[in-house]
Amino acid sequence: MISIGNFFFKYRNNLFIFLYLLLFVPSPPLFAPEQFGEKYYLYPIILGLLVTFAGEITRGITIGLAYIIRGGRDKKVYAEKLVTEGIFRHCRNPLYVGNILMLLGVGILANSLIYVGIVMPLFLFIYQAIVLAEENFLRNKFGAQFDAYCSRVNRWLINFSGFSETLNGMHFNYKRWILKEYNTLLVWLIGIFALLIFKYPQLIPDSNSRIILFSIIVVLLGAVYGYVRYLKKSGKMTDSVA
């Protein structure tokens, strides 16, 4: 599993592009009009948006409170230090939990039985392998310190005990959230709007209006993305806390 995890860690960023494309593969519905009536589409829309936004909120809070530098070095698992503060006090892999919720949510939003029933379990297997590879690295580097951390904090489940104390005791760095997350936010939001506009013609019956609306949304999101990227590259916005 560790060797599998190291392999997928190397290509994990490209994996998300592939996973988003799979949202548009034809599939039997999770919610069908035969079982849920004429307004069946409200179920995947409401539930999907709730789950996927919960994922981004999880990622946002995690990054804003205590960002973990584990992006890899030379496409290999790497960590500068063992981060145990912030949301990492309550879950060892909150960023991955956020990713799982985000993808599960858009899978529900796509009303795709194949995505939820086949793609997501495969994704969970890949993530489990990646986490085992990361843990192998961390255990070799930090030894007993990492073992003690594992003994008190769950790998996947978020323990909400003392959660309010964690939030109150730390500063939320919104600039760091924006600068670290704007790439993810662009792809995620475009995917959400694409599903809402083209998967559910009931919301906007006219096809030309759907295309125009989606084009406007993409342009606006692209403009915001370009502006944030400019601020980051020019140094006019940094994630340092004054």
Protein backbone atom coordinates (compact mmCIF):
# COMPACT_ATOMS: atom_id res chain seq x y z
CA MET A 1 0.00 0.00 0.00
CA ILE A 2 2.88 2.37 0.76
CA SER A 3 4.36 1.97 -2.73
CA ILE A 4 0.90 2.51 -4.23
CA GLY A 5 0.51 5.63 -2.09
CA ASN A 6 3.88 7.01 -3.19
CA PHE A 7 2.88 6.48 -6.82
CA PHE A 8 -0.45 8.28 -6.51
CA PHE A 9 1.10 11.03 -4.37
CA LYS A 10 3.26 11.89 -7.35
CA TYR A 11 0.24 12.35 -9.62
CA ARG A 12 -2.39 13.43 -7.08
CA ASN A 13 -2.98 16.91 -8.58
CA ASN A 14 -3.72 15.51 -12.03
CA LEU A 15 -6.02 12.98 -10.39
CA PHE A 16 -8.51 15.71 -9.47
CA ILE A 17 -8.87 16.88 -13.07
CA PHE A 18 -9.69 13.33 -14.10
CA LEU A 19 -12.17 12.94 -11.24
CA TYR A 20 -14.02 16.11 -12.22
CA LEU A 21 -14.31 14.92 -15.81
CA LEU A 22 -15.90 11.69 -14.56
CA LEU A 23 -18.77 13.74 -13.14
CA PHE A 24 -20.14 14.09 -16.66
CA VAL A 25 -20.05 10.38 -17.53
CA PRO A 26 -23.62 9.10 -18.16
CA SER A 27 -24.89 7.20 -15.13
CA PRO A 28 -28.07 5.84 -13.55
CA PRO A 29 -29.41 8.51 -11.17
CA LEU A 30 -29.14 8.51 -7.41
CA PHE A 31 -32.48 10.29 -7.26
CA ALA A 32 -34.98 9.36 -9.97
CA PRO A 33 -38.36 11.00 -10.67
CA GLU A 34 -40.04 7.60 -10.30
CA GLN A 35 -39.09 7.49 -6.61
CA PHE A 36 -38.84 11.18 -5.72
CA GLY A 37 -41.46 12.84 -7.89
CA GLU A 38 -41.41 15.73 -10.33
CA LYS A 39 -39.08 17.82 -8.17
CA TYR A 40 -36.59 14.97 -7.78
CA TYR A 41 -33.69 17.19 -8.86
CA LEU A 42 -33.98 19.28 -5.70
CA TYR A 43 -32.66 16.36 -3.63
CA PRO A 44 -29.25 16.01 -5.33
CA ILE A 45 -28.90 19.78 -5.63
CA ILE A 46 -29.57 20.55 -1.96
CA LEU A 47 -27.77 17.53 -0.51
CA GLY A 48 -24.84 17.80 -2.93
CA LEU A 49 -24.28 21.49 -2.23
CA LEU A 50 -24.44 20.95 1.53
CA VAL A 51 -21.86 18.15 1.42
CA THR A 52 -19.44 19.82 -1.00
CA PHE A 53 -19.56 23.16 0.84
CA ALA A 54 -18.91 21.31 4.10
CA GLY A 55 -15.77 19.98 2.44
CA GLU A 56 -14.52 23.40 1.41
CA ILE A 57 -15.34 24.84 4.83
CA THR A 58 -13.26 22.04 6.36
CA ARG A 59 -10.36 22.82 4.05
CA GLY A 60 -10.72 26.57 4.56
CA ILE A 61 -10.69 26.41 8.36
CA THR A 62 -7.76 24.00 8.31
CA ILE A 63 -5.65 26.17 6.01
CA GLY A 64 -6.62 29.40 7.75
CA LEU A 65 -5.68 28.17 11.21
CA ALA A 66 -2.56 26.05 10.68
CA TYR A 67 -1.36 25.27 7.20
CA ILE A 68 0.55 22.03 6.85
CA ILE A 69 3.53 22.09 4.51
CA ARG A 70 3.27 18.61 3.09
CA GLY A 71 3.07 19.35 -0.61
CA GLY A 72 5.97 17.08 -1.36
CA ARG A 73 9.47 17.67 -2.62
CA ASP A 74 10.47 16.41 -6.07
CA LYS A 75 6.99 14.82 -6.22
CA LYS A 76 7.74 12.74 -3.14
CA VAL A 77 6.23 12.80 0.34
CA TYR A 78 7.90 15.46 2.49
CA ALA A 79 7.17 17.44 5.65
CA GLU A 80 9.18 20.19 7.31
CA LYS A 81 7.65 19.68 10.73
CA LEU A 82 4.90 17.76 12.47
CA VAL A 83 1.84 20.05 12.57
CA THR A 84 -0.48 19.22 15.46
CA GLU A 85 -2.25 22.52 16.10
CA GLY A 86 -5.43 23.95 14.62
CA ILE A 87 -7.77 21.38 13.08
CA PHE A 88 -4.88 18.90 13.18
CA ARG A 89 -5.63 18.65 16.91
CA HIS A 90 -8.91 16.98 15.96
CA CYS A 91 -8.05 14.98 12.83
CA ARG A 92 -4.75 13.87 11.29
CA ASN A 93 -5.89 14.50 7.71
CA PRO A 94 -8.52 17.29 7.70
CA LEU A 95 -7.49 18.55 4.25
CA TYR A 96 -8.08 15.10 2.79
CA VAL A 97 -11.39 14.83 4.63
CA GLY A 98 -12.33 18.15 3.03
CA ASN A 99 -11.35 16.83 -0.40
CA ILE A 100 -13.43 13.69 0.10
CA LEU A 101 -16.49 15.71 1.11
CA MET A 102 -16.02 18.11 -1.80
CA LEU A 103 -15.87 15.28 -4.35
CA LEU A 104 -18.68 13.30 -2.73
CA GLY A 105 -20.81 16.44 -2.76
CA VAL A 106 -20.29 17.15 -6.46
CA GLY A 107 -20.93 13.46 -7.17
CA ILE A 108 -24.28 13.76 -5.42
CA LEU A 109 -24.88 17.06 -7.21
CA ALA A 110 -24.25 15.26 -10.51
CA ASN A 111 -26.91 12.74 -9.43
CA SER A 112 -24.49 10.02 -10.50
CA LEU A 113 -24.83 6.54 -9.03
CA ILE A 114 -21.62 5.47 -10.79
CA TYR A 115 -19.65 8.35 -9.28
CA VAL A 116 -20.89 7.83 -5.74
CA GLY A 117 -20.92 4.03 -5.88
CA ILE A 118 -17.76 3.30 -7.90
CA VAL A 119 -15.55 6.38 -8.34
CA MET A 120 -15.70 7.49 -4.69
CA PRO A 121 -14.71 4.07 -3.24
CA LEU A 122 -11.78 3.98 -5.68
CA PHE A 123 -10.82 7.50 -4.61
CA LEU A 124 -10.98 6.47 -0.94
CA PHE A 125 -8.67 3.54 -1.65
CA ILE A 126 -6.18 5.87 -3.35
CA TYR A 127 -6.33 8.34 -0.47
CA GLN A 128 -5.85 5.59 2.10
CA ALA A 129 -2.72 4.48 0.22
CA ILE A 130 -1.40 8.06 0.07
CA VAL A 131 -2.00 8.56 3.78
CA LEU A 132 -0.20 5.32 4.64
CA ALA A 133 2.77 6.48 2.56
CA GLU A 134 2.77 9.84 4.34
CA GLU A 135 2.50 8.19 7.74
CA ASN A 136 5.44 5.93 6.90
CA PHE A 137 7.53 9.01 6.11
CA LEU A 138 6.38 10.90 9.22
CA ARG A 139 7.01 7.92 11.49
CA ASN A 140 10.50 7.47 10.13
CA LYS A 141 11.25 11.20 10.55
CA PHE A 142 9.53 12.06 13.83
CA GLY A 143 9.43 8.66 15.55
CA ALA A 144 7.83 8.59 18.99
CA GLN A 145 6.48 12.13 18.56
CA PHE A 146 4.38 11.00 15.61
CA ASP A 147 3.30 7.78 17.35
CA ALA A 148 2.08 9.82 20.33
CA TYR A 149 0.17 12.12 17.97
CA CYS A 150 -1.46 9.11 16.27
CA SER A 151 -2.48 7.65 19.61
CA ARG A 152 -4.58 10.70 20.50
CA VAL A 153 -5.87 11.92 17.12
CA ASN A 154 -7.95 9.96 14.61
CA ARG A 155 -6.71 9.43 11.08
CA TRP A 156 -10.03 10.28 9.37
CA LEU A 157 -12.78 11.06 11.87
CA ILE A 158 -12.90 14.62 13.18
CA ASN A 159 -13.21 14.77 16.96
CA PHE A 160 -15.24 17.89 17.77
CA SER A 161 -14.42 17.78 21.48
CA GLY A 162 -12.73 21.08 22.34
CA PHE A 163 -13.34 22.38 18.82
CA SER A 164 -14.63 25.77 19.95
CA GLU A 165 -11.57 26.17 22.17
CA THR A 166 -9.33 25.57 19.16
CA LEU A 167 -11.19 28.14 17.07
CA ASN A 168 -11.17 30.74 19.82
CA GLY A 169 -7.50 30.25 20.60
CA MET A 170 -6.17 30.83 17.07
CA HIS A 171 -6.22 33.54 14.43
CA PHE A 172 -7.88 32.71 11.12
CA ASN A 173 -5.54 33.81 8.34
CA TYR A 174 -7.98 34.48 5.48
CA LYS A 175 -5.19 35.67 3.18
CA ARG A 176 -3.45 32.32 3.51
CA TRP A 177 -6.75 30.57 2.72
CA ILE A 178 -7.19 32.64 -0.44
CA LEU A 179 -3.59 32.30 -1.63
CA LYS A 180 -3.34 28.57 -0.97
CA GLU A 181 -6.83 27.69 -2.16
CA TYR A 182 -7.62 29.87 -5.17
CA ASN A 183 -6.64 27.18 -7.69
CA THR A 184 -8.88 24.62 -6.00
CA LEU A 185 -11.71 27.12 -5.65
CA LEU A 186 -11.66 27.97 -9.37
CA VAL A 187 -11.94 24.35 -10.54
CA TRP A 188 -14.48 23.50 -7.83
CA LEU A 189 -16.77 26.46 -8.51
CA ILE A 190 -16.68 26.02 -12.28
CA GLY A 191 -17.58 22.37 -11.78
CA ILE A 192 -20.49 23.24 -9.50
CA PHE A 193 -21.92 25.84 -11.87
CA ALA A 194 -21.46 23.54 -14.88
CA LEU A 195 -23.44 20.82 -13.14
CA LEU A 196 -26.19 23.16 -11.97
CA ILE A 197 -26.60 24.84 -15.35
CA PHE A 198 -26.22 21.92 -17.75
CA LYS A 199 -27.25 18.92 -15.63
CA TYR A 200 -30.54 20.50 -14.59
CA PRO A 201 -32.24 22.27 -17.50
CA GLN A 202 -35.28 22.57 -15.24
CA LEU A 203 -33.53 25.50 -13.55
CA ILE A 204 -32.94 27.42 -16.80
CA PRO A 205 -35.07 25.96 -19.64
CA ASP A 206 -33.58 28.04 -22.47
CA SER A 207 -30.36 26.48 -23.80
CA ASN A 208 -28.94 29.77 -25.09
CA SER A 209 -29.49 31.40 -21.72
CA ARG A 210 -27.62 28.52 -20.05
CA ILE A 211 -24.62 28.96 -22.32
CA ILE A 212 -24.57 32.74 -21.84
CA LEU A 213 -24.87 32.46 -18.06
CA PHE A 214 -22.13 29.85 -17.82
CA SER A 215 -19.85 31.95 -20.03
CA ILE A 216 -20.39 34.99 -17.81
CA ILE A 217 -19.66 32.95 -14.68
CA VAL A 218 -16.45 31.52 -16.16
CA VAL A 219 -15.27 35.01 -17.19
CA LEU A 220 -16.00 36.44 -13.74
CA LEU A 221 -14.33 33.57 -11.92
CA GLY A 222 -11.39 33.79 -14.29
CA ALA A 223 -11.06 37.51 -13.60
CA VAL A 224 -11.04 36.94 -9.83
CA TYR A 225 -8.53 34.11 -10.27
CA GLY A 226 -6.29 36.31 -12.40
CA TYR A 227 -6.47 39.16 -9.87
CA VAL A 228 -5.57 36.90 -6.93
CA ARG A 229 -2.73 35.37 -8.94
CA TYR A 230 -1.45 38.86 -9.74
CA LEU A 231 -1.56 39.85 -6.06
CA LYS A 232 0.33 36.69 -5.12
CA LYS A 233 3.01 36.92 -7.82
CA SER A 234 3.54 40.66 -7.28
CA GLY A 235 3.83 40.24 -3.52
CA LYS A 236 0.98 42.66 -2.88
CA MET A 237 -0.81 39.95 -0.91
CA THR A 238 1.06 37.59 1.38
CA ASP A 239 -0.06 35.13 4.01
CA SER A 240 2.17 36.57 6.71
CA VAL A 241 0.39 37.73 9.85
CA ALA A 242 1.08 41.31 10.88
